Amino acid sequence: MEDLQEGFFKGTNQQRKELKVKQNELRTLLDERNPDQDKIRATQKEINALEAQLKEKAAGIAWKHKSFLHFNKGLNWGLSHVVMRAMS
């Protein structure tokens, strides 16, 4: 499982960095005195797209290692945990 997590983190490093940047941008936009709703919506859409990419990659890892998943049912939770940790 550690190999799966390490591969996921290495393979998604750029997307996770972009996600952090966009999350910080969103916080900044929301903290403005007169928040620009269009910018907020656009930034949220970008965040949603990055999160979807991360989830898709996690699902790809799960399918790639399907035989291991059947052997170790706890991995399902593990991959979900990795994705959520990567997005926080």
PDB file of N, CA and C in Angstrom:
ATOM      1  N   MET A   1       0.825  -1.196   0.000  1.00  0.00           N
ATOM      2  CA  MET A   1       0.000   0.000   0.000  1.00  0.00           C
ATOM      3  C   MET A   1       0.864   1.252   0.000  1.00  0.00           C
ATOM      4  N   GLU A   2       1.985   1.217   0.690  1.00  0.00           N
ATOM      5  CA  GLU A   2       2.858   2.390   0.717  1.00  0.00           C
ATOM      6  C   GLU A   2       3.355   2.735  -0.674  1.00  0.00           C
ATOM      7  N   ASP A   3       3.631   1.704  -1.506  1.00  0.00           N
ATOM      8  CA  ASP A   3       4.051   1.957  -2.882  1.00  0.00           C
ATOM      9  C   ASP A   3       2.953   2.668  -3.660  1.00  0.00           C
ATOM     10  N   LEU A   4       1.709   2.265  -3.422  1.00  0.00           N
ATOM     11  CA  LEU A   4       0.581   2.910  -4.091  1.00  0.00           C
ATOM     12  C   LEU A   4       0.475   4.374  -3.677  1.00  0.00           C
ATOM     13  N   GLN A   5       0.599   4.623  -2.389  1.00  0.00           N
ATOM     14  CA  GLN A   5       0.506   5.992  -1.893  1.00  0.00           C
ATOM     15  C   GLN A   5       1.648   6.838  -2.438  1.00  0.00           C
ATOM     16  N   GLU A   6       2.852   6.279  -2.403  1.00  0.00           N
ATOM     17  CA  GLU A   6       4.010   7.023  -2.889  1.00  0.00           C
ATOM     18  C   GLU A   6       3.853   7.337  -4.372  1.00  0.00           C
ATOM     19  N   GLY A   7       3.399   6.365  -5.150  1.00  0.00           N
ATOM     20  CA  GLY A   7       3.171   6.585  -6.578  1.00  0.00           C
ATOM     21  C   GLY A   7       2.106   7.633  -6.820  1.00  0.00           C
ATOM     22  N   PHE A   8       1.058   7.579  -6.022  1.00  0.00           N
ATOM     23  CA  PHE A   8      -0.016   8.567  -6.164  1.00  0.00           C
ATOM     24  C   PHE A   8       0.515   9.968  -5.866  1.00  0.00           C
ATOM     25  N   PHE A   9       1.259  10.111  -4.771  1.00  0.00           N
ATOM     26  CA  PHE A   9       1.760  11.427  -4.402  1.00  0.00           C
ATOM     27  C   PHE A   9       2.747  11.967  -5.430  1.00  0.00           C
ATOM     28  N   LYS A  10       3.631  11.113  -5.933  1.00  0.00           N
ATOM     29  CA  LYS A  10       4.586  11.563  -6.949  1.00  0.00           C
ATOM     30  C   LYS A  10       3.876  11.919  -8.243  1.00  0.00           C
ATOM     31  N   GLY A  11       2.896  11.119  -8.609  1.00  0.00           N
ATOM     32  CA  GLY A  11       2.181  11.327  -9.863  1.00  0.00           C
ATOM     33  C   GLY A  11       1.200  12.483  -9.854  1.00  0.00           C
ATOM     34  N   THR A  12       0.898  12.980  -8.680  1.00  0.00           N
ATOM     35  CA  THR A  12      -0.087  14.068  -8.581  1.00  0.00           C
ATOM     36  C   THR A  12       0.511  15.320  -7.936  1.00  0.00           C
ATOM     37  N   ASN A  13       1.804  15.364  -7.840  1.00  0.00           N
ATOM     38  CA  ASN A  13       2.464  16.476  -7.165  1.00  0.00           C
ATOM     39  C   ASN A  13       2.053  17.828  -7.758  1.00  0.00           C
ATOM     40  N   GLN A  14       2.097  17.945  -9.074  1.00  0.00           N
ATOM     41  CA  GLN A  14       1.765  19.221  -9.726  1.00  0.00           C
ATOM     42  C   GLN A  14       0.307  19.603  -9.480  1.00  0.00           C
ATOM     43  N   GLN A  15      -0.598  18.649  -9.613  1.00  0.00           N
ATOM     44  CA  GLN A  15      -2.016  18.957  -9.395  1.00  0.00           C
ATOM     45  C   GLN A  15      -2.292  19.352  -7.957  1.00  0.00           C
ATOM     46  N   ARG A  16      -1.613  18.691  -7.016  1.00  0.00           N
ATOM     47  CA  ARG A  16      -1.818  19.048  -5.608  1.00  0.00           C
ATOM     48  C   ARG A  16      -1.294  20.454  -5.317  1.00  0.00           C
ATOM     49  N   LYS A  17      -0.178  20.825  -5.944  1.00  0.00           N
ATOM     50  CA  LYS A  17       0.344  22.182  -5.769  1.00  0.00           C
ATOM     51  C   LYS A  17      -0.629  23.204  -6.348  1.00  0.00           C
ATOM     52  N   GLU A  18      -1.117  22.919  -7.559  1.00  0.00           N
ATOM     53  CA  GLU A  18      -2.096  23.816  -8.187  1.00  0.00           C
ATOM     54  C   GLU A  18      -3.353  23.941  -7.337  1.00  0.00           C
ATOM     55  N   LEU A  19      -3.781  22.825  -6.765  1.00  0.00           N
ATOM     56  CA  LEU A  19      -4.968  22.833  -5.916  1.00  0.00           C
ATOM     57  C   LEU A  19      -4.763  23.746  -4.711  1.00  0.00           C
ATOM     58  N   LYS A  20      -3.611  23.649  -4.066  1.00  0.00           N
ATOM     59  CA  LYS A  20      -3.316  24.517  -2.910  1.00  0.00           C
ATOM     60  C   LYS A  20      -3.346  25.990  -3.318  1.00  0.00           C
ATOM     61  N   VAL A  21      -2.756  26.298  -4.471  1.00  0.00           N
ATOM     62  CA  VAL A  21      -2.738  27.685  -4.955  1.00  0.00           C
ATOM     63  C   VAL A  21      -4.165  28.178  -5.171  1.00  0.00           C
ATOM     64  N   LYS A  22      -4.976  27.361  -5.832  1.00  0.00           N
ATOM     65  CA  LYS A  22      -6.365  27.766  -6.110  1.00  0.00           C
ATOM     66  C   LYS A  22      -7.176  27.892  -4.823  1.00  0.00           C
ATOM     67  N   GLN A  23      -6.945  27.008  -3.865  1.00  0.00           N
ATOM     68  CA  GLN A  23      -7.656  27.111  -2.587  1.00  0.00           C
ATOM     69  C   GLN A  23      -7.273  28.408  -1.873  1.00  0.00           C
ATOM     70  N   ASN A  24      -6.008  28.774  -1.930  1.00  0.00           N
ATOM     71  CA  ASN A  24      -5.578  30.039  -1.324  1.00  0.00           C
ATOM     72  C   ASN A  24      -6.172  31.237  -2.066  1.00  0.00           C
ATOM     73  N   GLU A  25      -6.228  31.141  -3.396  1.00  0.00           N
ATOM     74  CA  GLU A  25      -6.857  32.213  -4.181  1.00  0.00           C
ATOM     75  C   GLU A  25      -8.324  32.378  -3.774  1.00  0.00           C
ATOM     76  N   LEU A  26      -9.007  31.258  -3.610  1.00  0.00           N
ATOM     77  CA  LEU A  26     -10.421  31.312  -3.230  1.00  0.00           C
ATOM     78  C   LEU A  26     -10.588  31.964  -1.861  1.00  0.00           C
ATOM     79  N   ARG A  27      -9.739  31.583  -0.915  1.00  0.00           N
ATOM     80  CA  ARG A  27      -9.811  32.204   0.420  1.00  0.00           C
ATOM     81  C   ARG A  27      -9.611  33.717   0.325  1.00  0.00           C
ATOM     82  N   THR A  28      -8.644  34.130  -0.490  1.00  0.00           N
ATOM     83  CA  THR A  28      -8.371  35.557  -0.664  1.00  0.00           C
ATOM     84  C   THR A  28      -9.577  36.258  -1.278  1.00  0.00           C
ATOM     85  N   LEU A  29     -10.158  35.634  -2.301  1.00  0.00           N
ATOM     86  CA  LEU A  29     -11.337  36.226  -2.937  1.00  0.00           C
ATOM     87  C   LEU A  29     -12.497  36.351  -1.953  1.00  0.00           C
ATOM     88  N   LEU A  30     -12.692  35.336  -1.148  1.00  0.00           N
ATOM     89  CA  LEU A  30     -13.795  35.348  -0.184  1.00  0.00           C
ATOM     90  C   LEU A  30     -13.574  36.366   0.932  1.00  0.00           C
ATOM     91  N   ASP A  31     -12.316  36.666   1.222  1.00  0.00           N
ATOM     92  CA  ASP A  31     -12.000  37.626   2.287  1.00  0.00           C
ATOM     93  C   ASP A  31     -12.081  39.084   1.842  1.00  0.00           C
ATOM     94  N   GLU A  32     -12.235  39.315   0.539  1.00  0.00           N
ATOM     95  CA  GLU A  32     -12.299  40.693   0.039  1.00  0.00           C
ATOM     96  C   GLU A  32     -13.549  41.397   0.569  1.00  0.00           C
ATOM     97  N   ARG A  33     -13.427  42.694   0.666  1.00  0.00           N
ATOM     98  CA  ARG A  33     -14.552  43.494   1.166  1.00  0.00           C
ATOM     99  C   ARG A  33     -15.785  43.341   0.278  1.00  0.00           C
ATOM    100  N   ASN A  34     -15.598  43.396  -1.029  1.00  0.00           N
ATOM    101  CA  ASN A  34     -16.686  43.197  -2.000  1.00  0.00           C
ATOM    102  C   ASN A  34     -16.293  42.054  -2.934  1.00  0.00           C
ATOM    103  N   PRO A  35     -16.545  40.825  -2.508  1.00  0.00           N
ATOM    104  CA  PRO A  35     -16.107  39.668  -3.293  1.00  0.00           C
ATOM    105  C   PRO A  35     -16.711  39.647  -4.700  1.00  0.00           C
ATOM    106  N   ASP A  36     -15.877  39.341  -5.679  1.00  0.00           N
ATOM    107  CA  ASP A  36     -16.308  39.220  -7.071  1.00  0.00           C
ATOM    108  C   ASP A  36     -16.854  37.805  -7.282  1.00  0.00           C
ATOM    109  N   GLN A  37     -18.171  37.713  -7.400  1.00  0.00           N
ATOM    110  CA  GLN A  37     -18.833  36.403  -7.499  1.00  0.00           C
ATOM    111  C   GLN A  37     -18.373  35.612  -8.725  1.00  0.00           C
ATOM    112  N   ASP A  38     -18.114  36.309  -9.836  1.00  0.00           N
ATOM    113  CA  ASP A  38     -17.671  35.610 -11.042  1.00  0.00           C
ATOM    114  C   ASP A  38     -16.291  34.983 -10.839  1.00  0.00           C
ATOM    115  N   LYS A  39     -15.396  35.718 -10.205  1.00  0.00           N
ATOM    116  CA  LYS A  39     -14.058  35.178  -9.929  1.00  0.00           C
ATOM    117  C   LYS A  39     -14.134  34.011  -8.949  1.00  0.00           C
ATOM    118  N   ILE A  40     -15.005  34.144  -7.975  1.00  0.00           N
ATOM    119  CA  ILE A  40     -15.187  33.071  -6.988  1.00  0.00           C
ATOM    120  C   ILE A  40     -15.693  31.806  -7.678  1.00  0.00           C
ATOM    121  N   ARG A  41     -16.706  31.949  -8.535  1.00  0.00           N
ATOM    122  CA  ARG A  41     -17.246  30.791  -9.249  1.00  0.00           C
ATOM    123  C   ARG A  41     -16.196  30.157 -10.159  1.00  0.00           C
ATOM    124  N   ALA A  42     -15.438  30.987 -10.861  1.00  0.00           N
ATOM    125  CA  ALA A  42     -14.402  30.475 -11.768  1.00  0.00           C
ATOM    126  C   ALA A  42     -13.318  29.728 -10.995  1.00  0.00           C
ATOM    127  N   THR A  43     -12.899  30.285  -9.882  1.00  0.00           N
ATOM    128  CA  THR A  43     -11.876  29.638  -9.065  1.00  0.00           C
ATOM    129  C   THR A  43     -12.400  28.339  -8.482  1.00  0.00           C
ATOM    130  N   GLN A  44     -13.649  28.330  -8.037  1.00  0.00           N
ATOM    131  CA  GLN A  44     -14.242  27.106  -7.496  1.00  0.00           C
ATOM    132  C   GLN A  44     -14.333  26.028  -8.567  1.00  0.00           C
ATOM    133  N   LYS A  45     -14.646  26.417  -9.805  1.00  0.00           N
ATOM    134  CA  LYS A  45     -14.690  25.445 -10.898  1.00  0.00           C
ATOM    135  C   LYS A  45     -13.314  24.845 -11.140  1.00  0.00           C
ATOM    136  N   GLU A  46     -12.279  25.673 -11.063  1.00  0.00           N
ATOM    137  CA  GLU A  46     -10.920  25.163 -11.230  1.00  0.00           C
ATOM    138  C   GLU A  46     -10.559  24.193 -10.112  1.00  0.00           C
ATOM    139  N   ILE A  47     -10.955  24.518  -8.896  1.00  0.00           N
ATOM    140  CA  ILE A  47     -10.719  23.626  -7.749  1.00  0.00           C
ATOM    141  C   ILE A  47     -11.439  22.303  -7.966  1.00  0.00           C
ATOM    142  N   ASN A  48     -12.696  22.376  -8.390  1.00  0.00           N
ATOM    143  CA  ASN A  48     -13.473  21.162  -8.637  1.00  0.00           C
ATOM    144  C   ASN A  48     -12.807  20.298  -9.708  1.00  0.00           C
ATOM    145  N   ALA A  49     -12.292  20.923 -10.753  1.00  0.00           N
ATOM    146  CA  ALA A  49     -11.636  20.176 -11.834  1.00  0.00           C
ATOM    147  C   ALA A  49     -10.368  19.490 -11.328  1.00  0.00           C
ATOM    148  N   LEU A  50      -9.577  20.194 -10.534  1.00  0.00           N
ATOM    149  CA  LEU A  50      -8.357  19.598  -9.979  1.00  0.00           C
ATOM    150  C   LEU A  50      -8.688  18.443  -9.038  1.00  0.00           C
ATOM    151  N   GLU A  51      -9.706  18.615  -8.213  1.00  0.00           N
ATOM    152  CA  GLU A  51     -10.119  17.543  -7.310  1.00  0.00           C
ATOM    153  C   GLU A  51     -10.592  16.326  -8.104  1.00  0.00           C
ATOM    154  N   ALA A  52     -11.321  16.572  -9.189  1.00  0.00           N
ATOM    155  CA  ALA A  52     -11.800  15.467 -10.031  1.00  0.00           C
ATOM    156  C   ALA A  52     -10.619  14.731 -10.657  1.00  0.00           C
ATOM    157  N   GLN A  53      -9.596  15.459 -11.090  1.00  0.00           N
ATOM    158  CA  GLN A  53      -8.408  14.826 -11.655  1.00  0.00           C
ATOM    159  C   GLN A  53      -7.719  13.936 -10.624  1.00  0.00           C
ATOM    160  N   LEU A  54      -7.618  14.429  -9.401  1.00  0.00           N
ATOM    161  CA  LEU A  54      -6.994  13.638  -8.340  1.00  0.00           C
ATOM    162  C   LEU A  54      -7.792  12.376  -8.051  1.00  0.00           C
ATOM    163  N   LYS A  55      -9.102  12.505  -8.002  1.00  0.00           N
ATOM    164  CA  LYS A  55      -9.955  11.340  -7.755  1.00  0.00           C
ATOM    165  C   LYS A  55      -9.862  10.339  -8.898  1.00  0.00           C
ATOM    166  N   GLU A  56      -9.776  10.842 -10.121  1.00  0.00           N
ATOM    167  CA  GLU A  56      -9.655   9.968 -11.287  1.00  0.00           C
ATOM    168  C   GLU A  56      -8.339   9.190 -11.244  1.00  0.00           C
ATOM    169  N   LYS A  57      -7.259   9.868 -10.865  1.00  0.00           N
ATOM    170  CA  LYS A  57      -5.971   9.184 -10.758  1.00  0.00           C
ATOM    171  C   LYS A  57      -6.007   8.131  -9.657  1.00  0.00           C
ATOM    172  N   ALA A  58      -6.658   8.437  -8.563  1.00  0.00           N
ATOM    173  CA  ALA A  58      -6.777   7.460  -7.471  1.00  0.00           C
ATOM    174  C   ALA A  58      -7.572   6.245  -7.930  1.00  0.00           C
ATOM    175  N   ALA A  59      -8.635   6.485  -8.680  1.00  0.00           N
ATOM    176  CA  ALA A  59      -9.431   5.373  -9.204  1.00  0.00           C
ATOM    177  C   ALA A  59      -8.598   4.551 -10.179  1.00  0.00           C
ATOM    178  N   GLY A  60      -7.768   5.214 -10.971  1.00  0.00           N
ATOM    179  CA  GLY A  60      -6.890   4.505 -11.901  1.00  0.00           C
ATOM    180  C   GLY A  60      -5.924   3.594 -11.177  1.00  0.00           C
ATOM    181  N   ILE A  61      -5.399   4.060 -10.063  1.00  0.00           N
ATOM    182  CA  ILE A  61      -4.503   3.233  -9.256  1.00  0.00           C
ATOM    183  C   ILE A  61      -5.271   2.028  -8.721  1.00  0.00           C
ATOM    184  N   ALA A  62      -6.481   2.268  -8.271  1.00  0.00           N
ATOM    185  CA  ALA A  62      -7.293   1.178  -7.728  1.00  0.00           C
ATOM    186  C   ALA A  62      -7.538   0.105  -8.789  1.00  0.00           C
ATOM    187  N   TRP A  63      -7.883   0.512  -9.995  1.00  0.00           N
ATOM    188  CA  TRP A  63      -8.136  -0.459 -11.058  1.00  0.00           C
ATOM    189  C   TRP A  63      -6.857  -1.163 -11.476  1.00  0.00           C
ATOM    190  N   LYS A  64      -5.780  -0.422 -11.483  1.00  0.00           N
ATOM    191  CA  LYS A  64      -4.488  -0.984 -11.886  1.00  0.00           C
ATOM    192  C   LYS A  64      -4.067  -2.101 -10.934  1.00  0.00           C
ATOM    193  N   HIS A  65      -4.403  -1.934  -9.688  1.00  0.00           N
ATOM    194  CA  HIS A  65      -4.020  -2.901  -8.663  1.00  0.00           C
ATOM    195  C   HIS A  65      -5.229  -3.661  -8.140  1.00  0.00           C
ATOM    196  N   LYS A  66      -6.126  -3.972  -9.054  1.00  0.00           N
ATOM    197  CA  LYS A  66      -7.393  -4.604  -8.696  1.00  0.00           C
ATOM    198  C   LYS A  66      -7.192  -5.905  -7.900  1.00  0.00           C
ATOM    199  N   SER A  67      -6.253  -6.724  -8.302  1.00  0.00           N
ATOM    200  CA  SER A  67      -6.054  -7.989  -7.596  1.00  0.00           C
ATOM    201  C   SER A  67      -5.632  -7.729  -6.156  1.00  0.00           C
ATOM    202  N   PHE A  68      -4.841  -6.691  -5.942  1.00  0.00           N
ATOM    203  CA  PHE A  68      -4.428  -6.346  -4.590  1.00  0.00           C
ATOM    204  C   PHE A  68      -5.621  -5.831  -3.796  1.00  0.00           C
ATOM    205  N   LEU A  69      -6.496  -5.089  -4.464  1.00  0.00           N
ATOM    206  CA  LEU A  69      -7.695  -4.580  -3.786  1.00  0.00           C
ATOM    207  C   LEU A  69      -8.564  -5.722  -3.271  1.00  0.00           C
ATOM    208  N   HIS A  70      -8.704  -6.775  -4.081  1.00  0.00           N
ATOM    209  CA  HIS A  70      -9.520  -7.904  -3.640  1.00  0.00           C
ATOM    210  C   HIS A  70      -8.880  -8.603  -2.452  1.00  0.00           C
ATOM    211  N   PHE A  71      -7.570  -8.620  -2.444  1.00  0.00           N
ATOM    212  CA  PHE A  71      -6.855  -9.268  -1.354  1.00  0.00           C
ATOM    213  C   PHE A  71      -6.915  -8.434  -0.076  1.00  0.00           C
ATOM    214  N   ASN A  72      -6.802  -7.113  -0.229  1.00  0.00           N
ATOM    215  CA  ASN A  72      -6.746  -6.224   0.930  1.00  0.00           C
ATOM    216  C   ASN A  72      -7.893  -5.223   0.854  1.00  0.00           C
ATOM    217  N   LYS A  73      -9.016  -5.565   1.406  1.00  0.00           N
ATOM    218  CA  LYS A  73     -10.199  -4.707   1.312  1.00  0.00           C
ATOM    219  C   LYS A  73     -10.005  -3.361   2.001  1.00  0.00           C
ATOM    220  N   GLY A  74      -9.089  -3.265   2.925  1.00  0.00           N
ATOM    221  CA  GLY A  74      -8.840  -1.999   3.603  1.00  0.00           C
ATOM    222  C   GLY A  74      -8.213  -0.961   2.706  1.00  0.00           C
ATOM    223  N   LEU A  75      -7.682  -1.367   1.552  1.00  0.00           N
ATOM    224  CA  LEU A  75      -7.036  -0.413   0.656  1.00  0.00           C
ATOM    225  C   LEU A  75      -8.033   0.589   0.100  1.00  0.00           C
ATOM    226  N   ASN A  76      -9.255   0.155  -0.109  1.00  0.00           N
ATOM    227  CA  ASN A  76     -10.266   1.082  -0.613  1.00  0.00           C
ATOM    228  C   ASN A  76     -10.326   2.333   0.255  1.00  0.00           C
ATOM    229  N   TRP A  77     -10.392   2.133   1.553  1.00  0.00           N
ATOM    230  CA  TRP A  77     -10.385   3.269   2.469  1.00  0.00           C
ATOM    231  C   TRP A  77      -9.064   4.007   2.361  1.00  0.00           C
ATOM    232  N   GLY A  78      -7.982   3.261   2.219  1.00  0.00           N
ATOM    233  CA  GLY A  78      -6.660   3.861   2.149  1.00  0.00           C
ATOM    234  C   GLY A  78      -6.527   4.810   0.978  1.00  0.00           C
ATOM    235  N   LEU A  79      -7.008   4.427  -0.205  1.00  0.00           N
ATOM    236  CA  LEU A  79      -6.922   5.308  -1.360  1.00  0.00           C
ATOM    237  C   LEU A  79      -7.799   6.540  -1.176  1.00  0.00           C
ATOM    238  N   SER A  80      -8.968   6.354  -0.623  1.00  0.00           N
ATOM    239  CA  SER A  80      -9.834   7.505  -0.353  1.00  0.00           C
ATOM    240  C   SER A  80      -9.144   8.453   0.610  1.00  0.00           C
ATOM    241  N   HIS A  81      -8.515   7.885   1.615  1.00  0.00           N
ATOM    242  CA  HIS A  81      -7.804   8.695   2.598  1.00  0.00           C
ATOM    243  C   HIS A  81      -6.660   9.466   1.932  1.00  0.00           C
ATOM    244  N   VAL A  82      -5.941   8.822   1.025  1.00  0.00           N
ATOM    245  CA  VAL A  82      -4.839   9.482   0.320  1.00  0.00           C
ATOM    246  C   VAL A  82      -5.360  10.650  -0.493  1.00  0.00           C
ATOM    247  N   VAL A  83      -6.463  10.433  -1.222  1.00  0.00           N
ATOM    248  CA  VAL A  83      -7.021  11.508  -2.046  1.00  0.00           C
ATOM    249  C   VAL A  83      -7.468  12.662  -1.176  1.00  0.00           C
ATOM    250  N   MET A  84      -8.189  12.379  -0.113  1.00  0.00           N
ATOM    251  CA  MET A  84      -8.683  13.463   0.740  1.00  0.00           C
ATOM    252  C   MET A  84      -7.523  14.194   1.396  1.00  0.00           C
ATOM    253  N   ARG A  85      -6.481  13.449   1.804  1.00  0.00           N
ATOM    254  CA  ARG A  85      -5.321  14.084   2.403  1.00  0.00           C
ATOM    255  C   ARG A  85      -4.618  14.973   1.381  1.00  0.00           C
ATOM    256  N   ALA A  86      -4.569  14.538   0.144  1.00  0.00           N
ATOM    257  CA  ALA A  86      -3.912  15.307  -0.898  1.00  0.00           C
ATOM    258  C   ALA A  86      -4.665  16.593  -1.210  1.00  0.00           C
ATOM    259  N   MET A  87      -5.964  16.567  -1.036  1.00  0.00           N
ATOM    260  CA  MET A  87      -6.777  17.739  -1.374  1.00  0.00           C
ATOM    261  C   MET A  87      -6.939  18.709  -0.211  1.00  0.00           C
ATOM    262  N   SER A  88      -6.496  18.329   0.972  1.00  0.00           N
ATOM    263  CA  SER A  88      -6.675  19.231   2.113  1.00  0.00           C
ATOM    264  C   SER A  88      -5.503  20.177   2.265  1.00  0.00           C
TER     265      SER A  88
END
